[in-house]
């Protein structure tokens, strides 16, 4: 799932004189929220379809290339300037690896052997990984009983989805592990960006566009080394890869920008809890994937745990911003 790469420091507004009213958007925020949920929810189906015709690294490269093209157009229209600092570009290179190149590739490889529904549910564990990592890496993120309980509840949910009581039978261990590692990669990248790129003075759109560009370069180096040139370009997988990038990695970023501005980051981030529901429905109805009872039950437990880990008590610091990466969260 894709989102802003880093918060931009802004001075407090001058309240001595009334300013111009905020521009009204053509679409109500609820419509844009639903569109964002659908785009990110269907991303896992598109990955599955894309891997039917292309190697996983090729799917990731096409996804990043299409997403970069969309953001490049948006940056040109808004006359955004690219970062000028070499240090900023260096940090963005690392962020592109953890938030784009690595998780996108892991999800593509994972869906070679696991259903898209399971990949979407694994993606929902990102807030749980993020809470656990932030306790170690971010001194301002102090644990509370509610958030620790959420972490434990989420862990129980993961075990339920995997069917731990029956020895994880019926699941591909390597594919599931790759999907969980992909969801872990996102909070690693978020924390890195939060510690290195906050307050750079560059807009979040410029940072995210530059980050996706660097992720595309990373895959451009990897693809020739691990794959061969496709002998054909099947229509459906090709359209799936282009849609995955243009919509799920490009347009979705712009939609979330508007949501954060209109309704705030807390409401905008609740899309994380809708994504696995849509991903599961899409996989079952359109791909014919089967569900056992423990998959939806475990998914609900994971979402409940993720909601608790993201909750804050009064007076606590605000939640860290969503950063470029899926996807999704969630995220994908």
C-alpha atoms as a PDB file:
ATOM      1  CA  UNK A   1       0.000   0.000   0.000  1.00  0.00           C
ATOM      2  CA  UNK A   2       1.245   3.416  -0.851  1.00  0.00           C
ATOM      3  CA  UNK A   3       1.105   6.592   1.154  1.00  0.00           C
ATOM      4  CA  UNK A   4       3.073   9.752   1.938  1.00  0.00           C
ATOM      5  CA  UNK A   5       6.784   9.127   2.360  1.00  0.00           C
ATOM      6  CA  UNK A   6       7.369  11.493   5.252  1.00  0.00           C
ATOM      7  CA  UNK A   7       5.655  14.266   7.157  1.00  0.00           C
ATOM      8  CA  UNK A   8       6.477  17.765   6.060  1.00  0.00           C
ATOM      9  CA  UNK A   9       7.163  20.305   8.760  1.00  0.00           C
ATOM     10  CA  UNK A  10       4.731  23.207   8.540  1.00  0.00           C
ATOM     11  CA  UNK A  11       4.645  26.439  10.572  1.00  0.00           C
ATOM     12  CA  UNK A  12       1.608  27.113  12.716  1.00  0.00           C
ATOM     13  CA  UNK A  13      -0.997  29.117  10.789  1.00  0.00           C
ATOM     14  CA  UNK A  14      -1.480  32.815  11.485  1.00  0.00           C
ATOM     15  CA  UNK A  15      -4.906  33.080  13.071  1.00  0.00           C
ATOM     16  CA  UNK A  16      -4.932  36.848  13.311  1.00  0.00           C
ATOM     17  CA  UNK A  17      -6.637  37.216   9.913  1.00  0.00           C
ATOM     18  CA  UNK A  18      -9.175  34.888   8.343  1.00  0.00           C
ATOM     19  CA  UNK A  19      -7.699  32.832   5.546  1.00  0.00           C
ATOM     20  CA  UNK A  20      -9.361  31.600   2.385  1.00  0.00           C
ATOM     21  CA  UNK A  21     -11.711  28.649   2.810  1.00  0.00           C
ATOM     22  CA  UNK A  22     -10.222  25.253   1.930  1.00  0.00           C
ATOM     23  CA  UNK A  23     -10.936  24.179  -1.635  1.00  0.00           C
ATOM     24  CA  UNK A  24     -13.951  21.937  -2.031  1.00  0.00           C
ATOM     25  CA  UNK A  25     -13.276  18.602  -3.658  1.00  0.00           C
ATOM     26  CA  UNK A  26     -15.446  17.230  -6.420  1.00  0.00           C
ATOM     27  CA  UNK A  27     -16.021  13.915  -4.632  1.00  0.00           C
ATOM     28  CA  UNK A  28     -17.155  13.426  -1.059  1.00  0.00           C
ATOM     29  CA  UNK A  29     -14.465  11.926   1.174  1.00  0.00           C
ATOM     30  CA  UNK A  30     -16.597   8.818   1.747  1.00  0.00           C
ATOM     31  CA  UNK A  31     -16.606   8.099  -1.977  1.00  0.00           C
ATOM     32  CA  UNK A  32     -12.821   8.518  -2.127  1.00  0.00           C
ATOM     33  CA  UNK A  33     -12.403   6.340   0.977  1.00  0.00           C
ATOM     34  CA  UNK A  34     -14.453   3.584  -0.677  1.00  0.00           C
ATOM     35  CA  UNK A  35     -12.417   3.921  -3.875  1.00  0.00           C
ATOM     36  CA  UNK A  36      -9.137   3.676  -1.956  1.00  0.00           C
ATOM     37  CA  UNK A  37     -10.375   0.616  -0.059  1.00  0.00           C
ATOM     38  CA  UNK A  38     -11.370  -1.103  -3.305  1.00  0.00           C
ATOM     39  CA  UNK A  39      -8.098  -0.250  -5.055  1.00  0.00           C
ATOM     40  CA  UNK A  40      -5.899  -1.568  -2.250  1.00  0.00           C
ATOM     41  CA  UNK A  41      -8.202  -4.501  -1.522  1.00  0.00           C
ATOM     42  CA  UNK A  42      -8.067  -5.680  -5.136  1.00  0.00           C
ATOM     43  CA  UNK A  43      -4.271  -5.291  -5.281  1.00  0.00           C
ATOM     44  CA  UNK A  44      -3.735  -8.852  -4.055  1.00  0.00           C
ATOM     45  CA  UNK A  45      -6.013 -10.239  -6.762  1.00  0.00           C
ATOM     46  CA  UNK A  46      -4.086  -8.209  -9.369  1.00  0.00           C
ATOM     47  CA  UNK A  47      -0.789  -9.606  -8.070  1.00  0.00           C
ATOM     48  CA  UNK A  48      -2.134 -13.137  -8.451  1.00  0.00           C
ATOM     49  CA  UNK A  49      -3.314 -12.458 -12.006  1.00  0.00           C
ATOM     50  CA  UNK A  50      -0.033 -10.741 -12.886  1.00  0.00           C
ATOM     51  CA  UNK A  51       2.059 -13.690 -11.750  1.00  0.00           C
ATOM     52  CA  UNK A  52       0.077 -15.936 -14.106  1.00  0.00           C
ATOM     53  CA  UNK A  53       1.920 -14.319 -17.010  1.00  0.00           C
ATOM     54  CA  UNK A  54       5.093 -12.808 -15.564  1.00  0.00           C
ATOM     55  CA  UNK A  55       7.842 -13.609 -13.090  1.00  0.00           C
ATOM     56  CA  UNK A  56       7.381 -11.997  -9.644  1.00  0.00           C
ATOM     57  CA  UNK A  57      10.247  -9.536 -10.163  1.00  0.00           C
ATOM     58  CA  UNK A  58       8.725  -8.511 -13.484  1.00  0.00           C
ATOM     59  CA  UNK A  59       5.374  -7.903 -11.801  1.00  0.00           C
ATOM     60  CA  UNK A  60       7.074  -5.689  -9.217  1.00  0.00           C
ATOM     61  CA  UNK A  61       9.030  -3.782 -11.859  1.00  0.00           C
ATOM     62  CA  UNK A  62       5.918  -3.119 -13.935  1.00  0.00           C
ATOM     63  CA  UNK A  63       4.032  -2.076 -10.830  1.00  0.00           C
ATOM     64  CA  UNK A  64       6.679   0.421  -9.769  1.00  0.00           C
ATOM     65  CA  UNK A  65       7.134   1.762 -13.294  1.00  0.00           C
ATOM     66  CA  UNK A  66       3.404   2.432 -13.704  1.00  0.00           C
ATOM     67  CA  UNK A  67       3.099   3.968 -10.250  1.00  0.00           C
ATOM     68  CA  UNK A  68       6.102   6.219 -10.828  1.00  0.00           C
ATOM     69  CA  UNK A  69       4.607   7.430 -14.117  1.00  0.00           C
ATOM     70  CA  UNK A  70       1.366   8.459 -12.387  1.00  0.00           C
ATOM     71  CA  UNK A  71       3.174  10.359  -9.637  1.00  0.00           C
ATOM     72  CA  UNK A  72       5.524  11.983 -12.170  1.00  0.00           C
ATOM     73  CA  UNK A  73       2.500  13.426 -13.963  1.00  0.00           C
ATOM     74  CA  UNK A  74       1.024  14.633 -10.658  1.00  0.00           C
ATOM     75  CA  UNK A  75       4.323  16.258  -9.697  1.00  0.00           C
ATOM     76  CA  UNK A  76       4.560  17.986 -13.079  1.00  0.00           C
ATOM     77  CA  UNK A  77       1.002  19.320 -12.807  1.00  0.00           C
ATOM     78  CA  UNK A  78       1.657  20.634  -9.286  1.00  0.00           C
ATOM     79  CA  UNK A  79       5.152  21.836 -10.214  1.00  0.00           C
ATOM     80  CA  UNK A  80       6.757  19.914  -7.387  1.00  0.00           C
ATOM     81  CA  UNK A  81      10.533  20.056  -7.107  1.00  0.00           C
ATOM     82  CA  UNK A  82      12.683  16.994  -6.625  1.00  0.00           C
ATOM     83  CA  UNK A  83      14.832  16.749  -3.478  1.00  0.00           C
ATOM     84  CA  UNK A  84      18.152  18.554  -3.885  1.00  0.00           C
ATOM     85  CA  UNK A  85      20.129  16.967  -1.072  1.00  0.00           C
ATOM     86  CA  UNK A  86      22.258  13.926  -1.846  1.00  0.00           C
ATOM     87  CA  UNK A  87      21.689  12.768   1.714  1.00  0.00           C
ATOM     88  CA  UNK A  88      17.932  12.851   1.177  1.00  0.00           C
ATOM     89  CA  UNK A  89      18.295  10.761  -1.975  1.00  0.00           C
ATOM     90  CA  UNK A  90      20.405   8.274  -0.025  1.00  0.00           C
ATOM     91  CA  UNK A  91      17.745   7.888   2.646  1.00  0.00           C
ATOM     92  CA  UNK A  92      15.061   7.570  -0.031  1.00  0.00           C
ATOM     93  CA  UNK A  93      17.051   4.752  -1.648  1.00  0.00           C
ATOM     94  CA  UNK A  94      16.904   2.778   1.605  1.00  0.00           C
ATOM     95  CA  UNK A  95      13.223   3.655   2.081  1.00  0.00           C
ATOM     96  CA  UNK A  96      12.444   2.502  -1.466  1.00  0.00           C
ATOM     97  CA  UNK A  97      13.937  -0.892  -0.681  1.00  0.00           C
ATOM     98  CA  UNK A  98      11.973  -1.513   2.524  1.00  0.00           C
ATOM     99  CA  UNK A  99       8.712   0.157   1.480  1.00  0.00           C
ATOM    100  CA  UNK A 100       8.521  -0.799  -2.185  1.00  0.00           C
ATOM    101  CA  UNK A 101      11.061  -3.114  -3.802  1.00  0.00           C
ATOM    102  CA  UNK A 102      11.265  -5.715  -1.020  1.00  0.00           C
ATOM    103  CA  UNK A 103       7.619  -6.047   0.113  1.00  0.00           C
ATOM    104  CA  UNK A 104       6.194  -5.826  -3.414  1.00  0.00           C
ATOM    105  CA  UNK A 105       8.549  -8.599  -4.554  1.00  0.00           C
ATOM    106  CA  UNK A 106       7.869 -10.756  -1.498  1.00  0.00           C
ATOM    107  CA  UNK A 107       4.102 -10.549  -1.989  1.00  0.00           C
ATOM    108  CA  UNK A 108       4.484 -11.423  -5.677  1.00  0.00           C
ATOM    109  CA  UNK A 109       6.614 -14.477  -4.842  1.00  0.00           C
ATOM    110  CA  UNK A 110       4.301 -15.441  -1.982  1.00  0.00           C
ATOM    111  CA  UNK A 111       1.253 -15.522  -4.236  1.00  0.00           C
ATOM    112  CA  UNK A 112       2.864 -18.140  -6.417  1.00  0.00           C
ATOM    113  CA  UNK A 113       2.037 -20.645  -3.675  1.00  0.00           C
ATOM    114  CA  UNK A 114      -0.578 -19.083  -1.391  1.00  0.00           C
ATOM    115  CA  UNK A 115      -4.058 -17.653  -2.125  1.00  0.00           C
ATOM    116  CA  UNK A 116      -4.501 -13.908  -2.577  1.00  0.00           C
ATOM    117  CA  UNK A 117      -6.904 -13.993   0.379  1.00  0.00           C
ATOM    118  CA  UNK A 118      -4.140 -15.176   2.720  1.00  0.00           C
ATOM    119  CA  UNK A 119      -1.729 -12.560   1.343  1.00  0.00           C
ATOM    120  CA  UNK A 120      -4.268  -9.825   2.055  1.00  0.00           C
ATOM    121  CA  UNK A 121      -4.763 -11.061   5.615  1.00  0.00           C
ATOM    122  CA  UNK A 122      -0.999 -11.262   6.198  1.00  0.00           C
ATOM    123  CA  UNK A 123      -0.766  -7.637   5.049  1.00  0.00           C
ATOM    124  CA  UNK A 124      -3.092  -6.682   7.916  1.00  0.00           C
ATOM    125  CA  UNK A 125      -0.405  -7.708  10.414  1.00  0.00           C
ATOM    126  CA  UNK A 126       1.699  -4.628   9.533  1.00  0.00           C
ATOM    127  CA  UNK A 127       0.281  -2.525  12.407  1.00  0.00           C
ATOM    128  CA  UNK A 128       1.158  -5.349  14.810  1.00  0.00           C
ATOM    129  CA  UNK A 129       4.755  -5.512  13.561  1.00  0.00           C
ATOM    130  CA  UNK A 130       4.887  -1.723  13.654  1.00  0.00           C
ATOM    131  CA  UNK A 131       3.786  -1.547  17.276  1.00  0.00           C
ATOM    132  CA  UNK A 132       6.347  -4.162  18.335  1.00  0.00           C
ATOM    133  CA  UNK A 133       9.186  -2.438  16.461  1.00  0.00           C
ATOM    134  CA  UNK A 134       8.271   1.061  17.611  1.00  0.00           C
ATOM    135  CA  UNK A 135       8.649   0.014  21.235  1.00  0.00           C
ATOM    136  CA  UNK A 136      12.307  -0.686  20.487  1.00  0.00           C
ATOM    137  CA  UNK A 137      13.147   1.940  17.870  1.00  0.00           C
ATOM    138  CA  UNK A 138      11.017   4.941  18.861  1.00  0.00           C
ATOM    139  CA  UNK A 139      11.530   6.207  22.376  1.00  0.00           C
ATOM    140  CA  UNK A 140       8.379   8.357  22.222  1.00  0.00           C
ATOM    141  CA  UNK A 141       6.179   5.311  21.577  1.00  0.00           C
ATOM    142  CA  UNK A 142       5.540   3.946  25.049  1.00  0.00           C
ATOM    143  CA  UNK A 143       3.531   0.735  25.516  1.00  0.00           C
ATOM    144  CA  UNK A 144       0.124   0.839  27.146  1.00  0.00           C
ATOM    145  CA  UNK A 145      -1.895  -2.073  28.450  1.00  0.00           C
ATOM    146  CA  UNK A 146      -4.362  -1.679  25.616  1.00  0.00           C
ATOM    147  CA  UNK A 147      -1.679  -1.740  22.907  1.00  0.00           C
ATOM    148  CA  UNK A 148       0.160  -4.682  24.442  1.00  0.00           C
ATOM    149  CA  UNK A 149      -3.162  -6.536  24.655  1.00  0.00           C
ATOM    150  CA  UNK A 150      -3.730  -5.710  20.996  1.00  0.00           C
ATOM    151  CA  UNK A 151      -0.347  -7.153  20.092  1.00  0.00           C
ATOM    152  CA  UNK A 152      -1.142 -10.390  21.919  1.00  0.00           C
ATOM    153  CA  UNK A 153      -4.601 -10.566  20.362  1.00  0.00           C
ATOM    154  CA  UNK A 154      -3.139 -10.050  16.899  1.00  0.00           C
ATOM    155  CA  UNK A 155      -0.634 -12.846  17.472  1.00  0.00           C
ATOM    156  CA  UNK A 156      -3.504 -15.181  18.418  1.00  0.00           C
ATOM    157  CA  UNK A 157      -5.255 -14.107  15.215  1.00  0.00           C
ATOM    158  CA  UNK A 158      -2.224 -15.017  13.113  1.00  0.00           C
ATOM    159  CA  UNK A 159      -2.059 -18.463  14.708  1.00  0.00           C
ATOM    160  CA  UNK A 160      -5.778 -18.888  14.044  1.00  0.00           C
ATOM    161  CA  UNK A 161      -5.430 -18.001  10.352  1.00  0.00           C
ATOM    162  CA  UNK A 162      -2.495 -20.400  10.001  1.00  0.00           C
ATOM    163  CA  UNK A 163      -4.333 -23.211  11.789  1.00  0.00           C
ATOM    164  CA  UNK A 164      -1.559 -23.736  14.348  1.00  0.00           C
ATOM    165  CA  UNK A 165      -3.537 -26.404  16.272  1.00  0.00           C
ATOM    166  CA  UNK A 166      -3.488 -28.674  13.224  1.00  0.00           C
ATOM    167  CA  UNK A 167       0.174 -28.215  12.377  1.00  0.00           C
ATOM    168  CA  UNK A 168      -0.387 -25.494   9.731  1.00  0.00           C
ATOM    169  CA  UNK A 169      -1.660 -28.181   7.387  1.00  0.00           C
ATOM    170  CA  UNK A 170      -2.711 -27.073   3.934  1.00  0.00           C
ATOM    171  CA  UNK A 171      -0.552 -23.931   3.893  1.00  0.00           C
ATOM    172  CA  UNK A 172       2.688 -23.381   2.041  1.00  0.00           C
ATOM    173  CA  UNK A 173       5.171 -22.422   4.742  1.00  0.00           C
ATOM    174  CA  UNK A 174       7.579 -20.501   2.495  1.00  0.00           C
ATOM    175  CA  UNK A 175       4.849 -18.492   0.765  1.00  0.00           C
ATOM    176  CA  UNK A 176       3.188 -17.604   4.060  1.00  0.00           C
ATOM    177  CA  UNK A 177       6.546 -16.613   5.567  1.00  0.00           C
ATOM    178  CA  UNK A 178       7.281 -14.334   2.604  1.00  0.00           C
ATOM    179  CA  UNK A 179       3.894 -12.610   2.966  1.00  0.00           C
ATOM    180  CA  UNK A 180       4.509 -12.046   6.685  1.00  0.00           C
ATOM    181  CA  UNK A 181       8.028 -10.757   5.984  1.00  0.00           C
ATOM    182  CA  UNK A 182       6.557  -8.347   3.432  1.00  0.00           C
ATOM    183  CA  UNK A 183       4.170  -6.991   6.058  1.00  0.00           C
ATOM    184  CA  UNK A 184       7.114  -6.642   8.458  1.00  0.00           C
ATOM    185  CA  UNK A 185       9.120  -4.708   5.869  1.00  0.00           C
ATOM    186  CA  UNK A 186       6.603  -1.852   5.817  1.00  0.00           C
ATOM    187  CA  UNK A 187       6.972  -0.744   9.476  1.00  0.00           C
ATOM    188  CA  UNK A 188      10.764  -1.140   9.204  1.00  0.00           C
ATOM    189  CA  UNK A 189      10.636   1.357   6.348  1.00  0.00           C
ATOM    190  CA  UNK A 190       8.185   3.654   8.145  1.00  0.00           C
ATOM    191  CA  UNK A 191      10.409   3.858  11.190  1.00  0.00           C
ATOM    192  CA  UNK A 192      13.478   4.513   9.046  1.00  0.00           C
ATOM    193  CA  UNK A 193      11.711   7.335   7.192  1.00  0.00           C
ATOM    194  CA  UNK A 194      10.393   8.812  10.417  1.00  0.00           C
ATOM    195  CA  UNK A 195      13.902   8.940  11.860  1.00  0.00           C
ATOM    196  CA  UNK A 196      15.691  10.237   8.758  1.00  0.00           C
ATOM    197  CA  UNK A 197      13.374  12.175   6.449  1.00  0.00           C
ATOM    198  CA  UNK A 198      10.962  14.086   8.694  1.00  0.00           C
ATOM    199  CA  UNK A 199      11.332  17.840   8.339  1.00  0.00           C
ATOM    200  CA  UNK A 200      13.360  17.835   5.115  1.00  0.00           C
ATOM    201  CA  UNK A 201      11.328  20.698   3.672  1.00  0.00           C
ATOM    202  CA  UNK A 202      10.398  18.655   0.602  1.00  0.00           C
ATOM    203  CA  UNK A 203       6.740  17.875  -0.042  1.00  0.00           C
ATOM    204  CA  UNK A 204       5.464  14.387   0.659  1.00  0.00           C
ATOM    205  CA  UNK A 205       4.414  14.009  -2.977  1.00  0.00           C
ATOM    206  CA  UNK A 206       7.936  14.807  -4.210  1.00  0.00           C
ATOM    207  CA  UNK A 207       9.478  12.457  -1.665  1.00  0.00           C
ATOM    208  CA  UNK A 208       7.101   9.627  -2.546  1.00  0.00           C
ATOM    209  CA  UNK A 209       7.546  10.103  -6.284  1.00  0.00           C
ATOM    210  CA  UNK A 210      11.324  10.122  -5.899  1.00  0.00           C
ATOM    211  CA  UNK A 211      11.153   7.047  -3.688  1.00  0.00           C
ATOM    212  CA  UNK A 212       9.119   5.097  -6.250  1.00  0.00           C
ATOM    213  CA  UNK A 213      11.568   6.161  -8.961  1.00  0.00           C
ATOM    214  CA  UNK A 214      14.456   4.747  -6.930  1.00  0.00           C
ATOM    215  CA  UNK A 215      12.504   1.556  -6.281  1.00  0.00           C
ATOM    216  CA  UNK A 216      11.993   1.233 -10.042  1.00  0.00           C
ATOM    217  CA  UNK A 217      15.745   1.595 -10.589  1.00  0.00           C
ATOM    218  CA  UNK A 218      16.425  -1.105  -8.005  1.00  0.00           C
ATOM    219  CA  UNK A 219      14.131  -3.533  -9.813  1.00  0.00           C
ATOM    220  CA  UNK A 220      15.584  -2.530 -13.183  1.00  0.00           C
ATOM    221  CA  UNK A 221      18.909  -3.877 -11.920  1.00  0.00           C
ATOM    222  CA  UNK A 222      17.393  -7.053 -10.455  1.00  0.00           C
ATOM    223  CA  UNK A 223      15.079  -8.118 -13.282  1.00  0.00           C
ATOM    224  CA  UNK A 224      17.769  -8.817 -15.941  1.00  0.00           C
ATOM    225  CA  UNK A 225      19.823 -10.825 -13.435  1.00  0.00           C
ATOM    226  CA  UNK A 226      17.003 -13.137 -12.306  1.00  0.00           C
ATOM    227  CA  UNK A 227      14.547 -13.278 -15.202  1.00  0.00           C
ATOM    228  CA  UNK A 228      14.580 -13.527 -18.972  1.00  0.00           C
ATOM    229  CA  UNK A 229      12.787 -11.281 -21.434  1.00  0.00           C
ATOM    230  CA  UNK A 230       9.147 -12.426 -21.726  1.00  0.00           C
ATOM    231  CA  UNK A 231       8.453 -14.284 -24.927  1.00  0.00           C
ATOM    232  CA  UNK A 232       4.927 -12.886 -25.031  1.00  0.00           C
ATOM    233  CA  UNK A 233       2.822 -10.280 -23.281  1.00  0.00           C
ATOM    234  CA  UNK A 234      -0.525 -11.849 -22.322  1.00  0.00           C
ATOM    235  CA  UNK A 235      -3.320  -9.293 -22.193  1.00  0.00           C
ATOM    236  CA  UNK A 236      -4.917 -10.016 -18.812  1.00  0.00           C
ATOM    237  CA  UNK A 237      -1.697 -10.284 -16.743  1.00  0.00           C
ATOM    238  CA  UNK A 238      -0.321  -7.186 -18.491  1.00  0.00           C
ATOM    239  CA  UNK A 239      -3.436  -5.163 -17.687  1.00  0.00           C
ATOM    240  CA  UNK A 240      -3.310  -6.451 -14.102  1.00  0.00           C
ATOM    241  CA  UNK A 241       0.287  -5.267 -13.631  1.00  0.00           C
ATOM    242  CA  UNK A 242      -0.415  -1.851 -15.160  1.00  0.00           C
ATOM    243  CA  UNK A 243      -3.536  -1.415 -13.006  1.00  0.00           C
ATOM    244  CA  UNK A 244      -1.635  -2.577  -9.941  1.00  0.00           C
ATOM    245  CA  UNK A 245       0.910   0.195 -10.424  1.00  0.00           C
ATOM    246  CA  UNK A 246      -1.186   3.002 -11.884  1.00  0.00           C
ATOM    247  CA  UNK A 247      -4.068   2.545  -9.443  1.00  0.00           C
ATOM    248  CA  UNK A 248      -2.707   0.733  -6.390  1.00  0.00           C
ATOM    249  CA  UNK A 249       0.699   2.441  -6.274  1.00  0.00           C
ATOM    250  CA  UNK A 250       0.001   5.752  -8.030  1.00  0.00           C
ATOM    251  CA  UNK A 251      -3.577   6.960  -7.850  1.00  0.00           C
ATOM    252  CA  UNK A 252      -4.044   5.505  -4.349  1.00  0.00           C
ATOM    253  CA  UNK A 253      -1.306   7.799  -3.021  1.00  0.00           C
ATOM    254  CA  UNK A 254      -3.101  10.848  -4.388  1.00  0.00           C
ATOM    255  CA  UNK A 255      -6.413   9.671  -2.948  1.00  0.00           C
ATOM    256  CA  UNK A 256      -4.897   9.227   0.480  1.00  0.00           C
ATOM    257  CA  UNK A 257      -3.292  12.684   0.371  1.00  0.00           C
ATOM    258  CA  UNK A 258      -6.751  14.174  -0.041  1.00  0.00           C
ATOM    259  CA  UNK A 259      -8.269  12.025   2.694  1.00  0.00           C
ATOM    260  CA  UNK A 260      -5.586  12.989   5.205  1.00  0.00           C
ATOM    261  CA  UNK A 261      -6.128  16.667   4.389  1.00  0.00           C
ATOM    262  CA  UNK A 262      -9.928  16.433   4.602  1.00  0.00           C
ATOM    263  CA  UNK A 263     -10.623  14.068   7.509  1.00  0.00           C
ATOM    264  CA  UNK A 264      -7.237  13.633   9.217  1.00  0.00           C
ATOM    265  CA  UNK A 265      -4.782  10.722   9.369  1.00  0.00           C
ATOM    266  CA  UNK A 266      -6.718   8.715  11.969  1.00  0.00           C
ATOM    267  CA  UNK A 267      -9.830   8.339   9.827  1.00  0.00           C
ATOM    268  CA  UNK A 268      -7.794   7.894   6.644  1.00  0.00           C
ATOM    269  CA  UNK A 269      -5.800   5.053   8.209  1.00  0.00           C
ATOM    270  CA  UNK A 270      -8.926   3.027   8.988  1.00  0.00           C
ATOM    271  CA  UNK A 271      -8.746   1.864   5.362  1.00  0.00           C
ATOM    272  CA  UNK A 272      -6.214  -0.644   6.709  1.00  0.00           C
ATOM    273  CA  UNK A 273      -9.042  -2.574   8.356  1.00  0.00           C
ATOM    274  CA  UNK A 274     -11.156  -2.733   5.191  1.00  0.00           C
ATOM    275  CA  UNK A 275      -8.417  -4.013   2.848  1.00  0.00           C
ATOM    276  CA  UNK A 276      -8.347  -7.679   4.020  1.00  0.00           C
ATOM    277  CA  UNK A 277     -12.146  -7.878   3.858  1.00  0.00           C
ATOM    278  CA  UNK A 278     -12.156  -6.757   0.222  1.00  0.00           C
ATOM    279  CA  UNK A 279      -9.113  -8.888  -0.627  1.00  0.00           C
ATOM    280  CA  UNK A 280     -10.858 -11.958   0.803  1.00  0.00           C
ATOM    281  CA  UNK A 281     -14.129 -11.260  -1.000  1.00  0.00           C
ATOM    282  CA  UNK A 282     -12.317 -10.674  -4.308  1.00  0.00           C
ATOM    283  CA  UNK A 283     -10.258 -13.844  -4.004  1.00  0.00           C
ATOM    284  CA  UNK A 284     -13.271 -16.006  -3.183  1.00  0.00           C
ATOM    285  CA  UNK A 285     -15.726 -14.554  -5.711  1.00  0.00           C
ATOM    286  CA  UNK A 286     -13.441 -13.845  -8.669  1.00  0.00           C
ATOM    287  CA  UNK A 287     -10.628 -16.374  -8.293  1.00  0.00           C
ATOM    288  CA  UNK A 288     -12.604 -19.182  -6.708  1.00  0.00           C
ATOM    289  CA  UNK A 289     -10.265 -19.442  -3.707  1.00  0.00           C
ATOM    290  CA  UNK A 290     -11.528 -21.541  -0.832  1.00  0.00           C
ATOM    291  CA  UNK A 291     -11.831 -20.474   2.769  1.00  0.00           C
ATOM    292  CA  UNK A 292     -11.857 -22.588   5.890  1.00  0.00           C
ATOM    293  CA  UNK A 293     -13.621 -21.229   8.958  1.00  0.00           C
ATOM    294  CA  UNK A 294     -10.390 -20.248  10.706  1.00  0.00           C
ATOM    295  CA  UNK A 295      -9.299 -17.813   7.970  1.00  0.00           C
ATOM    296  CA  UNK A 296     -12.068 -15.189   8.346  1.00  0.00           C
ATOM    297  CA  UNK A 297     -12.235 -15.718  12.116  1.00  0.00           C
ATOM    298  CA  UNK A 298      -8.497 -15.232  12.468  1.00  0.00           C
ATOM    299  CA  UNK A 299      -8.631 -12.192  10.181  1.00  0.00           C
ATOM    300  CA  UNK A 300     -11.207 -10.545  12.454  1.00  0.00           C
ATOM    301  CA  UNK A 301      -9.021 -11.239  15.486  1.00  0.00           C
ATOM    302  CA  UNK A 302      -5.992  -9.738  13.696  1.00  0.00           C
ATOM    303  CA  UNK A 303      -7.977  -6.608  12.792  1.00  0.00           C
ATOM    304  CA  UNK A 304      -9.190  -6.240  16.372  1.00  0.00           C
ATOM    305  CA  UNK A 305      -5.619  -6.523  17.625  1.00  0.00           C
ATOM    306  CA  UNK A 306      -4.387  -4.036  15.009  1.00  0.00           C
ATOM    307  CA  UNK A 307      -7.091  -1.570  16.053  1.00  0.00           C
ATOM    308  CA  UNK A 308      -6.007  -1.839  19.693  1.00  0.00           C
ATOM    309  CA  UNK A 309      -2.310  -1.368  18.879  1.00  0.00           C
ATOM    310  CA  UNK A 310      -3.168   1.772  16.920  1.00  0.00           C
ATOM    311  CA  UNK A 311      -5.267   3.278  19.717  1.00  0.00           C
ATOM    312  CA  UNK A 312      -3.899   6.077  21.854  1.00  0.00           C
ATOM    313  CA  UNK A 313      -4.753   7.224  25.304  1.00  0.00           C
ATOM    314  CA  UNK A 314      -5.475  10.878  26.011  1.00  0.00           C
ATOM    315  CA  UNK A 315      -2.429  13.041  25.958  1.00  0.00           C
ATOM    316  CA  UNK A 316      -0.335  10.568  24.017  1.00  0.00           C
ATOM    317  CA  UNK A 317       1.519  11.449  20.890  1.00  0.00           C
ATOM    318  CA  UNK A 318      -0.244  11.119  17.563  1.00  0.00           C
ATOM    319  CA  UNK A 319       0.150   7.984  15.548  1.00  0.00           C
ATOM    320  CA  UNK A 320       3.008   7.951  13.094  1.00  0.00           C
ATOM    321  CA  UNK A 321       1.978   8.915   9.591  1.00  0.00           C
ATOM    322  CA  UNK A 322       1.414   6.384   6.881  1.00  0.00           C
ATOM    323  CA  UNK A 323       4.367   6.222   4.589  1.00  0.00           C
ATOM    324  CA  UNK A 324       4.964   5.218   1.032  1.00  0.00           C
ATOM    325  CA  UNK A 325       4.802   1.540   0.534  1.00  0.00           C
ATOM    326  CA  UNK A 326       1.558  -0.503  -1.022  1.00  0.00           C
ATOM    327  CA  UNK A 327       0.062  -0.576  -0.290  1.00  0.00           C
ATOM    328  CA  UNK A 328      -1.530  -0.790   2.184  1.00  0.00           C
ATOM    329  CA  UNK A 329      -0.546  -0.907   4.085  1.00  0.00           C
ATOM    330  CA  UNK A 330      -1.703  -1.605   3.781  1.00  0.00           C
ATOM    331  CA  UNK A 331      -0.415  -1.310   3.102  1.00  0.00           C
ATOM    332  CA  UNK A 332       0.292  -4.109  -0.478  1.00  0.00           C
END
